[in-house]
Amino acid sequence: MQNIQPDARDIRIYQKLGRVDAKSLETVDQLLLILPGKPSRTDFGKLPQGTKLQAAYRKHPDGATPAFSTSIQNKKQTLVVGGTIAADADTFEQLTLGRKLVAAAAGQKAGSLGICAVGFDTATQAGLMQSVLAAALAAGFRLPAYKSKPVPDTIKSIRLLGVDEKLDTARIEAEAKGNNLARWLTTLPPNYLDANNYADLARSLAKEHGWQFKRLGVKELEKLGCGAFLAVAQGNDNDSANMVRLRYRPGAKDATPDLSLVGKGIIFDTGGTNLKPFEFMLDMHGDMQGSAVALGTFLAISEMRLPIAVDCWLAITENRTGPNAYKSQDVVTAANGKTIQTVHTDAEGRMALADALVLASRDKPGIIFDYATLTGSCIRALTTRYSGVFTNRSELHPDLKRTGRNSGERVWPFPIGKEFMDDLKSDTADFLQCSPKGSGDHILAASLLAEFIENDVPWVHLDLAAGDNEGGLGHIASKFTGFGVRYTMSAILDENLFRARL
C-alpha cells in the first residue's frame, strides 16, 4: 500500500488568562491580534508597546486585511499581524479574517503562534479566538506532498493570550481533525488513493479508534442487488470497487444508528463513455470528497465521544471508460428493485449514492446526511462559495440555513419532490438517470436520490459546490476545503438534531 496515512502530528495549544504582558509575548514568534472595527487608544493600551502598535495601525488604509503588521522590541522580535472586525460579524467573516491573518504571518519561520483579541466582551472574544484558532489548525496541517525536500512545519504550537475565561477547545480541535482528514484524502494523488488503499485506510482508522468496520466487495454488492453502483464500477479493469460501512457505538454495539453519514467516493472520474474534456477531468481525483467529508465528520464525532450511534457509508469506485463501461440507454436495477435508464455516464454520482442510500436507510437511522460533489448546475446556481442543501423534510429548511450561518459553511436550500420527477420519466425504466435537457440538474439529481430512501427516514443531501474553491474559503486556505465537517457538527451540536441524547 502506498503511504497515504495522514499527518498525525498534533499542534499543542496553550492558554494564558488575564492581561497580555511583555513576558507572555516572549513566548510567541508571531501574534495574531484581533481588534474592533475602530480600535481605540484604550484597546491598544491593553497591550505591551501599545503606542507603537497604534502608530503602525494608523499608517495603513482603512479596511485593509491585515490592518497592519509590525515587529515589537523583544528577544524574539515578535511579528504582530493585526486585523479588525466588527463585534457583530458573522462566523464566516470571523473565519475568513483568521485565514487572512494566518496567511500574513506564515512567511516567518515556524514557531509558536499567538492569538489575542482585545476590545470585545467575553463572549465575542471567545468566538473570535475560536474562529482564528480553527484557521491556525487548518494552516498548520501538512497536506500530502511528494517532493524531494520535505515540507517544513508552519506552526509548532499555538498560544491563546489574554483570554478572559479559559476556552474549551475540544470541539474546534475535533472539527479540525475531521476537516484535515477530509482535505488530506481529497488531495491525495489518484494512484495513491485507489479503491483498495482507501478501504485499507478506513480499516486502519477503525482499528485505531475502536470503530466497527465492514467492507462490501463486488460479489457481496451483487448479492445485495446494487446494480446502480456496480454499473459505474464495471468500467474498471479490476473488482476493487467496494462500499465501506463504519460504525461508532459509544453504547450498545447493536444500537440503531441515530445518524448515518453517506459519501460519494468516486476516486477518479473520467466521465466514463461520455468522456470529460481535459479542463473538467484534471481535478477529478477530488470527486471522492463527499466520502472524505463523511469520514472526516465521523472522525470528529468520535474524537468528541458524542453519545450518539453513528454509521458511515463510503461508496468507493472509479468511473472509467473502456469496453466494459456502462453506456447511455443501459437499464440497471438498484438495490431497492427500482430501475434506472442511463442517459449520461458522467452522472455517475447519483448512481453510486442510490444504492448506498438504500443500504443506509434500511438500518432505520434517525437521520441521514449524504455528501457529494454531484452537479455542475449547483455550482452555476450558487458559485463555489455556498453549497446546496436538499431534504425530504422541507420544514428543516430554516434549521439547515441557520446551521450554515452558525458554522460558517454556508448553504442554500433547494426544493425537491415528485413534481420534478416528471422530468425523469422513462418509457423503459422507472426513472431516467438525468434529464437530457440538463436544466435544474441539482434539483433533479436530489429528487432522484430521494426515491432511494427507505422507511421514510429523514434525509439531508449536501451538493458540495463549495468543496473546491480557488484560494480557499472561510478559515481554509487550500483549494479543497473539506466543506461539510463543521456544518454537520453544527447541525448536531448547535441545532441539536438529537435532542433526546445531547
Protein backbone atom coordinates (compact mmCIF):
# COMPACT_ATOMS: atom_id res chain seq x y z
CA MET A 1 0.00 0.00 0.00
CA GLN A 2 1.27 3.49 -0.85
CA ASN A 3 1.89 5.75 2.13
CA ILE A 4 -1.44 7.50 2.48
CA GLN A 5 -1.56 7.86 6.26
CA PRO A 6 -2.49 11.44 7.22
CA ASP A 7 -0.19 13.65 9.24
CA ALA A 8 -0.83 12.61 12.84
CA ARG A 9 1.12 15.46 14.46
CA ASP A 10 -0.95 17.42 16.96
CA ILE A 11 -0.29 21.12 17.44
CA ARG A 12 -0.12 21.90 21.15
CA ILE A 13 -2.45 24.63 22.39
CA TYR A 14 -1.71 26.72 25.49
CA GLN A 15 -3.82 29.39 27.16
CA LYS A 16 -2.81 32.45 29.19
CA LEU A 17 -5.61 34.16 31.06
CA GLY A 18 -5.64 37.81 32.06
CA ARG A 19 -3.88 40.84 30.70
CA VAL A 20 -1.32 40.37 27.95
CA ASP A 21 2.09 41.29 29.33
CA ALA A 22 5.58 41.54 27.87
CA LYS A 23 6.54 38.14 29.30
CA SER A 24 3.71 36.34 27.52
CA LEU A 25 4.70 37.95 24.20
CA GLU A 26 8.19 36.50 24.67
CA THR A 27 6.62 33.04 24.20
CA VAL A 28 5.39 33.62 20.63
CA ASP A 29 7.14 34.18 17.33
CA GLN A 30 4.06 35.70 15.68
CA LEU A 31 1.00 37.25 17.27
CA LEU A 32 -2.35 37.48 15.52
CA LEU A 33 -4.03 40.47 17.11
CA ILE A 34 -7.79 40.93 16.64
CA LEU A 35 -9.22 44.38 17.29
CA PRO A 36 -12.63 46.07 16.94
CA GLY A 37 -13.52 47.75 13.67
CA LYS A 38 -12.46 51.14 15.07
CA PRO A 39 -9.90 50.32 17.78
CA SER A 40 -9.41 52.96 20.45
CA ARG A 41 -6.38 54.13 22.38
CA THR A 42 -7.77 52.17 25.31
CA ASP A 43 -7.75 48.97 23.25
CA PHE A 44 -4.11 49.44 22.28
CA GLY A 45 -3.31 50.40 25.87
CA LYS A 46 -4.13 46.87 26.99
CA LEU A 47 -1.06 45.60 25.11
CA PRO A 48 2.68 45.94 25.67
CA GLN A 49 4.12 48.60 23.34
CA GLY A 50 0.55 49.58 22.51
CA THR A 51 1.58 53.07 21.37
CA LYS A 52 3.85 51.55 18.73
CA LEU A 53 1.10 49.17 17.59
CA GLN A 54 -1.38 52.02 17.31
CA ALA A 55 1.09 54.05 15.25
CA ALA A 56 1.54 51.10 12.88
CA TYR A 57 -2.23 50.76 12.59
CA ARG A 58 -2.67 54.42 11.66
CA LYS A 59 -0.26 54.10 8.73
CA HIS A 60 -2.44 51.53 6.96
CA PRO A 61 -5.57 52.24 4.91
CA ASP A 62 -8.95 51.60 6.48
CA GLY A 63 -10.45 48.20 5.70
CA ALA A 64 -7.13 46.54 4.88
CA THR A 65 -6.56 42.93 5.97
CA PRO A 66 -4.26 42.65 7.71
CA ALA A 67 -4.87 46.09 9.19
CA PHE A 68 -1.17 46.35 9.99
CA SER A 69 1.95 44.32 10.71
CA THR A 70 5.00 45.28 12.73
CA SER A 71 7.66 43.72 14.91
CA ILE A 72 7.86 44.60 18.58
CA GLN A 73 11.05 45.04 20.54
CA ASN A 74 11.72 41.86 22.47
CA LYS A 75 14.12 38.93 22.25
CA LYS A 76 12.09 37.20 19.56
CA GLN A 77 11.26 40.35 17.63
CA THR A 78 7.69 39.05 17.68
CA LEU A 79 5.80 39.83 14.49
CA VAL A 80 2.39 41.31 15.24
CA VAL A 81 -0.22 40.91 12.50
CA GLY A 82 -3.32 42.91 13.34
CA GLY A 83 -6.81 42.63 11.97
CA THR A 84 -10.04 44.49 12.67
CA ILE A 85 -13.56 43.15 12.69
CA ALA A 86 -16.99 44.30 13.81
CA ALA A 87 -18.20 42.83 17.08
CA ASP A 88 -21.33 41.53 15.35
CA ALA A 89 -19.50 39.91 12.42
CA ASP A 90 -20.89 36.52 11.46
CA THR A 91 -18.96 33.26 11.72
CA PHE A 92 -17.93 33.24 8.05
CA GLU A 93 -16.41 36.72 8.41
CA GLN A 94 -14.56 35.65 11.56
CA LEU A 95 -13.18 32.52 9.88
CA THR A 96 -12.14 34.49 6.81
CA LEU A 97 -10.27 37.01 8.97
CA GLY A 98 -8.49 34.12 10.66
CA ARG A 99 -7.36 32.67 7.32
CA LYS A 100 -6.02 36.01 6.11
CA LEU A 101 -4.17 36.77 9.36
CA VAL A 102 -2.57 33.34 9.47
CA ALA A 103 -1.51 33.67 5.83
CA ALA A 104 0.09 37.06 6.55
CA ALA A 105 2.15 35.54 9.37
CA ALA A 106 3.05 32.34 7.53
CA GLY A 107 6.10 33.80 5.78
CA GLN A 108 8.03 33.85 9.05
CA LYS A 109 9.91 30.87 10.46
CA ALA A 110 7.83 28.14 12.03
CA GLY A 111 7.39 28.51 15.75
CA SER A 112 4.79 29.43 18.31
CA LEU A 113 1.78 31.37 17.01
CA GLY A 114 -0.07 33.61 19.43
CA ILE A 115 -3.73 34.64 19.13
CA CYS A 116 -5.13 37.58 21.06
CA ALA A 117 -8.39 39.57 20.90
CA VAL A 118 -8.83 42.83 22.81
CA GLY A 119 -11.66 45.34 22.94
CA PHE A 120 -14.50 42.80 22.93
CA ASP A 121 -16.83 41.40 25.57
CA THR A 122 -16.01 37.93 26.89
CA ALA A 123 -18.43 36.01 24.65
CA THR A 124 -17.38 37.82 21.49
CA GLN A 125 -13.71 37.38 22.35
CA ALA A 126 -14.21 33.63 22.78
CA GLY A 127 -15.94 33.28 19.41
CA LEU A 128 -13.29 35.28 17.59
CA MET A 129 -10.40 33.39 19.14
CA GLN A 130 -12.01 30.05 18.37
CA SER A 131 -12.52 31.08 14.73
CA VAL A 132 -8.91 32.19 14.36
CA LEU A 133 -7.77 29.03 16.15
CA ALA A 134 -9.69 26.97 13.58
CA ALA A 135 -7.82 28.79 10.81
CA ALA A 136 -4.48 28.20 12.51
CA LEU A 137 -5.14 24.47 12.98
CA ALA A 138 -6.04 24.19 9.30
CA ALA A 139 -2.96 26.12 8.16
CA GLY A 140 -0.67 24.13 10.44
CA PHE A 141 -1.73 20.81 8.92
CA ARG A 142 0.58 19.38 6.27
CA LEU A 143 -1.32 18.24 3.19
CA PRO A 144 0.13 15.44 1.03
CA ALA A 145 3.38 16.45 -0.67
CA TYR A 146 5.78 14.20 -2.53
CA LYS A 147 8.73 16.50 -3.13
CA SER A 148 12.38 15.59 -2.87
CA LYS A 149 12.77 18.04 0.01
CA PRO A 150 10.44 17.69 2.99
CA VAL A 151 7.79 20.35 3.50
CA PRO A 152 8.58 22.28 6.70
CA ASP A 153 6.14 22.87 9.50
CA THR A 154 4.42 26.23 9.53
CA ILE A 155 3.13 26.24 13.12
CA LYS A 156 4.64 24.27 16.01
CA SER A 157 2.39 25.45 18.84
CA ILE A 158 -0.45 27.89 19.44
CA ARG A 159 -0.85 30.18 22.44
CA LEU A 160 -4.14 31.90 23.25
CA LEU A 161 -3.16 35.08 25.08
CA GLY A 162 -5.21 37.49 27.14
CA VAL A 163 -8.16 35.12 27.44
CA ASP A 164 -10.93 36.38 29.75
CA GLU A 165 -12.11 32.84 30.55
CA LYS A 166 -10.45 29.55 29.68
CA LEU A 167 -11.76 28.26 26.36
CA ASP A 168 -12.93 24.70 25.77
CA THR A 169 -11.12 23.95 22.51
CA ALA A 170 -12.14 20.28 22.25
CA ARG A 171 -14.77 20.91 19.57
CA ILE A 172 -12.50 23.17 17.49
CA GLU A 173 -9.74 20.55 17.64
CA ALA A 174 -12.10 17.68 16.74
CA GLU A 175 -13.58 19.60 13.81
CA ALA A 176 -10.07 20.49 12.64
CA LYS A 177 -9.02 16.85 12.72
CA GLY A 178 -12.09 15.89 10.72
CA ASN A 179 -11.62 18.68 8.19
CA ASN A 180 -7.90 17.97 7.87
CA LEU A 181 -8.60 14.29 7.20
CA ALA A 182 -11.16 15.22 4.53
CA ARG A 183 -8.73 17.60 2.82
CA TRP A 184 -5.88 15.10 3.10
CA LEU A 185 -7.86 12.35 1.38
CA THR A 186 -9.18 14.69 -1.32
CA THR A 187 -5.69 15.96 -2.11
CA LEU A 188 -4.07 12.51 -2.40
CA PRO A 189 -2.95 11.55 -5.93
CA PRO A 190 -5.29 9.01 -7.54
CA ASN A 191 -2.51 6.45 -7.96
CA TYR A 192 -2.06 6.56 -4.17
CA LEU A 193 -5.71 6.59 -3.13
CA ASP A 194 -7.09 3.71 -5.17
CA ALA A 195 -10.16 1.78 -4.07
CA ASN A 196 -8.24 -0.91 -2.19
CA ASN A 197 -6.00 1.57 -0.39
CA TYR A 198 -8.99 3.69 0.57
CA ALA A 199 -10.74 0.72 2.18
CA ASP A 200 -7.50 -0.32 3.89
CA LEU A 201 -7.06 3.19 5.31
CA ALA A 202 -10.62 3.11 6.65
CA ARG A 203 -9.86 -0.25 8.24
CA SER A 204 -6.71 1.16 9.83
CA LEU A 205 -8.59 4.16 11.23
CA ALA A 206 -11.30 1.85 12.56
CA LYS A 207 -8.71 -0.21 14.43
CA GLU A 208 -7.08 2.92 15.84
CA HIS A 209 -10.34 4.48 17.06
CA GLY A 210 -12.35 1.41 18.02
CA TRP A 211 -14.92 1.61 15.22
CA GLN A 212 -16.68 -1.37 13.67
CA PHE A 213 -15.55 -1.95 10.08
CA LYS A 214 -17.07 -3.87 7.17
CA ARG A 215 -16.03 -3.89 3.52
CA LEU A 216 -18.60 -4.95 0.94
CA GLY A 217 -16.83 -6.09 -2.21
CA VAL A 218 -18.20 -6.57 -5.71
CA LYS A 219 -19.54 -10.07 -5.10
CA GLU A 220 -21.33 -9.05 -1.91
CA LEU A 221 -22.77 -5.98 -3.63
CA GLU A 222 -24.01 -8.18 -6.49
CA LYS A 223 -25.85 -10.34 -3.96
CA LEU A 224 -27.41 -7.21 -2.48
CA GLY A 225 -28.57 -6.14 -5.94
CA CYS A 226 -26.57 -2.89 -6.03
CA GLY A 227 -26.78 -2.62 -9.81
CA ALA A 228 -26.61 1.18 -9.93
CA PHE A 229 -23.30 1.38 -8.08
CA LEU A 230 -21.89 -1.61 -9.96
CA ALA A 231 -22.83 -0.10 -13.31
CA VAL A 232 -20.39 2.72 -12.57
CA ALA A 233 -17.76 0.25 -11.37
CA GLN A 234 -17.96 -2.10 -14.37
CA GLY A 235 -15.63 0.08 -16.44
CA ASN A 236 -12.77 -0.68 -14.04
CA ASP A 237 -10.15 -3.23 -15.06
CA ASN A 238 -10.45 -4.98 -11.67
CA ASP A 239 -13.00 -5.67 -8.97
CA SER A 240 -11.60 -3.27 -6.38
CA ALA A 241 -14.83 -1.24 -6.11
CA ASN A 242 -16.37 -1.51 -2.67
CA MET A 243 -18.62 0.04 -0.08
CA VAL A 244 -17.22 0.54 3.41
CA ARG A 245 -19.50 0.67 6.43
CA LEU A 246 -18.11 2.05 9.68
CA ARG A 247 -19.94 2.10 12.99
CA TYR A 248 -19.30 4.27 16.04
CA ARG A 249 -21.11 2.90 19.07
CA PRO A 250 -20.43 4.59 22.41
CA GLY A 251 -23.20 2.48 23.92
CA ALA A 252 -24.71 -0.84 22.86
CA LYS A 253 -22.81 -2.32 19.92
CA ASP A 254 -26.03 -3.28 18.13
CA ALA A 255 -27.79 0.07 18.67
CA THR A 256 -29.84 1.50 15.82
CA PRO A 257 -27.95 4.47 14.35
CA ASP A 258 -29.09 7.91 15.38
CA LEU A 259 -27.22 9.30 12.38
CA SER A 260 -25.93 7.81 9.14
CA LEU A 261 -23.31 9.60 7.04
CA VAL A 262 -23.10 8.63 3.36
CA GLY A 263 -20.41 9.80 0.97
CA LYS A 264 -19.78 9.63 -2.77
CA GLY A 265 -16.32 8.12 -3.19
CA ILE A 266 -15.55 8.33 -6.91
CA ILE A 267 -11.77 8.26 -6.57
CA PHE A 268 -11.28 9.29 -10.19
CA ASP A 269 -13.97 10.36 -12.63
CA THR A 270 -13.16 10.26 -16.33
CA GLY A 271 -16.82 10.78 -17.17
CA GLY A 272 -16.97 7.21 -18.45
CA THR A 273 -18.20 6.63 -22.00
CA ASN A 274 -19.27 10.30 -22.09
CA LEU A 275 -15.65 11.30 -21.59
CA LYS A 276 -14.90 14.61 -19.87
CA PRO A 277 -12.76 17.20 -21.69
CA PHE A 278 -9.34 17.88 -20.15
CA GLU A 279 -10.25 21.02 -18.22
CA PHE A 280 -13.06 19.21 -16.40
CA MET A 281 -11.12 15.98 -15.80
CA LEU A 282 -7.93 17.49 -14.37
CA ASP A 283 -9.02 17.58 -10.73
CA MET A 284 -11.29 14.55 -10.77
CA HIS A 285 -9.18 12.81 -8.14
CA GLY A 286 -11.21 15.12 -5.88
CA ASP A 287 -14.54 13.65 -6.91
CA MET A 288 -14.40 11.45 -3.81
CA GLN A 289 -14.51 14.37 -1.41
CA GLY A 290 -18.09 13.59 -0.39
CA SER A 291 -16.84 10.35 1.14
CA ALA A 292 -13.87 12.21 2.67
CA VAL A 293 -16.26 14.67 4.35
CA ALA A 294 -18.41 11.80 5.64
CA LEU A 295 -15.32 10.11 7.07
CA GLY A 296 -13.95 13.37 8.49
CA THR A 297 -17.28 14.12 10.19
CA PHE A 298 -17.34 10.58 11.54
CA LEU A 299 -13.84 11.12 12.99
CA ALA A 300 -14.83 14.44 14.59
CA ILE A 301 -17.86 12.81 16.27
CA SER A 302 -15.65 10.01 17.56
CA GLU A 303 -12.97 12.44 18.78
CA MET A 304 -15.61 14.28 20.83
CA ARG A 305 -17.05 10.97 22.07
CA LEU A 306 -20.56 12.20 21.42
CA PRO A 307 -23.23 9.94 22.94
CA ILE A 308 -24.90 9.06 19.65
CA ALA A 309 -24.71 5.93 17.49
CA VAL A 310 -23.37 6.75 14.03
CA ASP A 311 -22.90 4.80 10.79
CA CYS A 312 -20.69 5.93 7.92
CA TRP A 313 -21.06 4.56 4.37
CA LEU A 314 -18.38 5.18 1.73
CA ALA A 315 -19.25 4.26 -1.88
CA ILE A 316 -15.79 3.80 -3.41
CA THR A 317 -15.02 3.22 -7.08
CA GLU A 318 -13.68 4.87 -10.21
CA ASN A 319 -15.72 5.94 -13.20
CA ARG A 320 -13.66 4.64 -16.11
CA THR A 321 -14.08 4.37 -19.83
CA GLY A 322 -13.39 1.14 -21.70
CA PRO A 323 -15.03 -1.80 -23.47
CA ASN A 324 -16.99 -2.83 -20.37
CA ALA A 325 -18.02 0.63 -19.20
CA TYR A 326 -21.71 1.36 -18.86
CA LYS A 327 -23.36 3.37 -21.63
CA SER A 328 -26.23 5.68 -22.37
CA GLN A 329 -29.54 3.79 -22.59
CA ASP A 330 -28.38 0.92 -20.36
CA VAL A 331 -31.06 -0.07 -17.85
CA VAL A 332 -29.85 -1.07 -14.39
CA THR A 333 -31.61 -2.21 -11.25
CA ALA A 334 -30.78 -0.65 -7.88
CA ALA A 335 -30.80 -2.41 -4.52
CA ASN A 336 -34.43 -1.44 -3.83
CA GLY A 337 -35.56 -3.04 -7.11
CA LYS A 338 -36.16 0.27 -8.91
CA THR A 339 -34.80 0.54 -12.43
CA ILE A 340 -32.82 3.41 -13.95
CA GLN A 341 -32.36 4.18 -17.64
CA THR A 342 -28.92 5.74 -18.00
CA VAL A 343 -28.65 8.94 -20.02
CA HIS A 344 -25.18 10.32 -19.35
CA THR A 345 -22.36 8.28 -17.85
CA ASP A 346 -20.88 11.37 -16.19
CA ALA A 347 -23.93 11.50 -13.94
CA GLU A 348 -22.39 8.59 -12.05
CA GLY A 349 -22.56 10.10 -8.57
CA ARG A 350 -26.30 9.65 -8.21
CA MET A 351 -25.91 6.03 -9.33
CA ALA A 352 -23.31 5.28 -6.67
CA LEU A 353 -25.25 7.11 -3.97
CA ALA A 354 -28.59 5.48 -4.85
CA ASP A 355 -27.50 2.06 -3.62
CA ALA A 356 -25.56 3.45 -0.67
CA LEU A 357 -28.68 5.32 0.48
CA VAL A 358 -30.80 2.19 0.18
CA LEU A 359 -28.40 0.24 2.39
CA ALA A 360 -28.04 3.07 4.91
CA SER A 361 -31.79 3.70 5.20
CA ARG A 362 -32.59 0.02 5.74
CA ASP A 363 -31.00 0.34 9.19
CA LYS A 364 -33.66 2.98 10.02
CA PRO A 365 -31.29 5.69 11.31
CA GLY A 366 -32.71 8.78 12.99
CA ILE A 367 -31.47 10.88 10.06
CA ILE A 368 -29.17 10.51 7.04
CA PHE A 369 -26.70 13.12 5.80
CA ASP A 370 -25.10 12.47 2.43
CA TYR A 371 -22.28 14.41 0.80
CA ALA A 372 -21.28 14.57 -2.85
CA THR A 373 -19.67 16.72 -5.48
CA LEU A 374 -22.72 15.88 -7.51
CA THR A 375 -23.66 18.50 -10.09
CA GLY A 376 -22.19 21.39 -12.04
CA SER A 377 -25.59 23.05 -12.03
CA CYS A 378 -25.35 23.59 -8.26
CA ILE A 379 -22.10 25.49 -8.82
CA ARG A 380 -23.73 27.51 -11.58
CA ALA A 381 -26.60 28.35 -9.24
CA LEU A 382 -24.53 29.24 -6.16
CA THR A 383 -20.88 29.70 -7.25
CA THR A 384 -18.31 27.85 -5.13
CA ARG A 385 -18.92 29.99 -2.04
CA TYR A 386 -22.07 28.14 -0.93
CA SER A 387 -23.16 24.51 -1.13
CA GLY A 388 -26.66 23.33 -1.96
CA VAL A 389 -28.77 21.55 0.63
CA PHE A 390 -31.81 19.36 -0.05
CA THR A 391 -34.07 17.35 2.22
CA ASN A 392 -37.18 15.20 2.27
CA ARG A 393 -38.34 17.27 5.26
CA SER A 394 -38.94 20.76 3.89
CA GLU A 395 -39.71 22.05 7.39
CA LEU A 396 -35.97 21.68 8.11
CA HIS A 397 -35.02 24.40 5.59
CA PRO A 398 -34.76 27.22 8.21
CA ASP A 399 -32.69 24.98 10.50
CA LEU A 400 -30.39 23.98 7.66
CA LYS A 401 -29.79 27.60 6.61
CA ARG A 402 -29.15 28.60 10.22
CA THR A 403 -26.65 25.77 10.57
CA GLY A 404 -24.71 27.29 7.68
CA ARG A 405 -24.63 30.67 9.39
CA ASN A 406 -23.59 29.15 12.72
CA SER A 407 -20.80 27.06 11.25
CA GLY A 408 -19.52 29.49 8.63
CA GLU A 409 -20.08 26.78 5.99
CA ARG A 410 -22.95 28.43 4.19
CA VAL A 411 -25.69 26.58 2.33
CA TRP A 412 -28.76 27.41 0.32
CA PRO A 413 -31.81 25.10 0.33
CA PHE A 414 -33.46 23.92 -2.87
CA PRO A 415 -36.80 22.14 -3.35
CA ILE A 416 -37.22 18.51 -4.34
CA GLY A 417 -40.28 16.35 -4.89
CA LYS A 418 -42.48 14.28 -7.14
CA GLU A 419 -43.28 17.20 -9.44
CA PHE A 420 -39.62 17.31 -10.53
CA MET A 421 -39.68 13.59 -11.26
CA ASP A 422 -41.90 14.39 -14.26
CA ASP A 423 -38.66 15.44 -15.98
CA LEU A 424 -37.21 11.98 -15.31
CA LYS A 425 -39.99 9.86 -16.80
CA SER A 426 -38.76 6.89 -18.80
CA ASP A 427 -40.58 4.67 -21.29
CA THR A 428 -38.39 1.67 -20.46
CA ALA A 429 -37.50 2.01 -16.77
CA ASP A 430 -38.82 3.50 -13.55
CA PHE A 431 -36.70 6.63 -13.97
CA LEU A 432 -34.28 8.37 -16.24
CA GLN A 433 -30.89 8.83 -14.61
CA CYS A 434 -30.95 12.53 -15.55
CA SER A 435 -32.68 14.82 -17.99
CA PRO A 436 -31.08 15.18 -21.44
CA LYS A 437 -32.02 18.87 -21.26
CA GLY A 438 -29.82 19.42 -18.21
CA SER A 439 -31.72 22.33 -16.65
CA GLY A 440 -32.05 22.26 -12.85
CA ASP A 441 -29.92 19.11 -12.68
CA HIS A 442 -29.04 19.66 -9.00
CA ILE A 443 -32.77 19.59 -8.14
CA LEU A 444 -33.48 16.60 -10.39
CA ALA A 445 -30.50 14.67 -9.00
CA ALA A 446 -31.63 15.22 -5.42
CA SER A 447 -35.22 14.35 -6.31
CA LEU A 448 -33.97 11.10 -7.83
CA LEU A 449 -31.90 10.27 -4.74
CA ALA A 450 -34.98 10.73 -2.56
CA GLU A 451 -36.51 7.73 -4.35
CA PHE A 452 -33.86 5.51 -2.74
CA ILE A 453 -34.56 6.45 0.88
CA GLU A 454 -36.43 3.58 2.50
CA ASN A 455 -38.59 3.61 5.65
CA ASP A 456 -39.31 7.35 5.28
CA VAL A 457 -36.05 8.17 7.06
CA PRO A 458 -35.35 11.92 7.39
CA TRP A 459 -32.59 12.76 4.91
CA VAL A 460 -30.35 15.72 4.08
CA HIS A 461 -28.26 15.89 0.91
CA LEU A 462 -25.32 18.30 0.54
CA ASP A 463 -24.24 19.05 -3.03
CA LEU A 464 -20.72 20.29 -2.32
CA ALA A 465 -20.43 23.23 -4.68
CA ALA A 466 -18.11 24.84 -2.11
CA GLY A 467 -15.90 21.78 -1.72
CA ASP A 468 -13.45 23.19 -4.26
CA ASN A 469 -12.72 26.93 -4.23
CA GLU A 470 -9.59 28.55 -5.62
CA GLY A 471 -7.83 30.50 -2.90
CA GLY A 472 -9.67 28.75 -0.10
CA LEU A 473 -12.90 29.59 1.70
CA GLY A 474 -13.68 30.70 5.24
CA HIS A 475 -10.85 29.54 7.50
CA ILE A 476 -9.44 27.10 4.91
CA ALA A 477 -6.63 28.30 2.65
CA SER A 478 -6.37 25.21 0.41
CA LYS A 479 -8.23 24.67 -2.87
CA PHE A 480 -10.08 21.65 -1.48
CA THR A 481 -11.99 22.98 1.51
CA GLY A 482 -13.34 19.92 3.35
CA PHE A 483 -16.69 21.73 3.41
CA GLY A 484 -19.30 19.84 5.42
CA VAL A 485 -17.49 18.71 8.57
CA ARG A 486 -18.10 21.91 10.54
CA TYR A 487 -21.56 22.13 9.02
CA THR A 488 -22.63 18.70 10.25
CA MET A 489 -21.08 19.18 13.69
CA SER A 490 -23.07 22.40 13.99
CA ALA A 491 -26.22 20.55 12.92
CA ILE A 492 -25.63 18.10 15.73
CA LEU A 493 -24.39 20.39 18.48
CA ASP A 494 -25.97 23.80 17.72
CA GLU A 495 -29.25 22.79 16.10
CA ASN A 496 -29.37 19.77 18.42
CA LEU A 497 -30.86 17.27 15.98
CA PHE A 498 -30.52 14.63 18.68
CA ARG A 499 -32.37 16.38 21.48
CA ALA A 500 -33.03 13.14 23.31
CA ARG A 501 -29.31 12.36 23.58
CA LEU A 502 -27.37 15.66 23.84
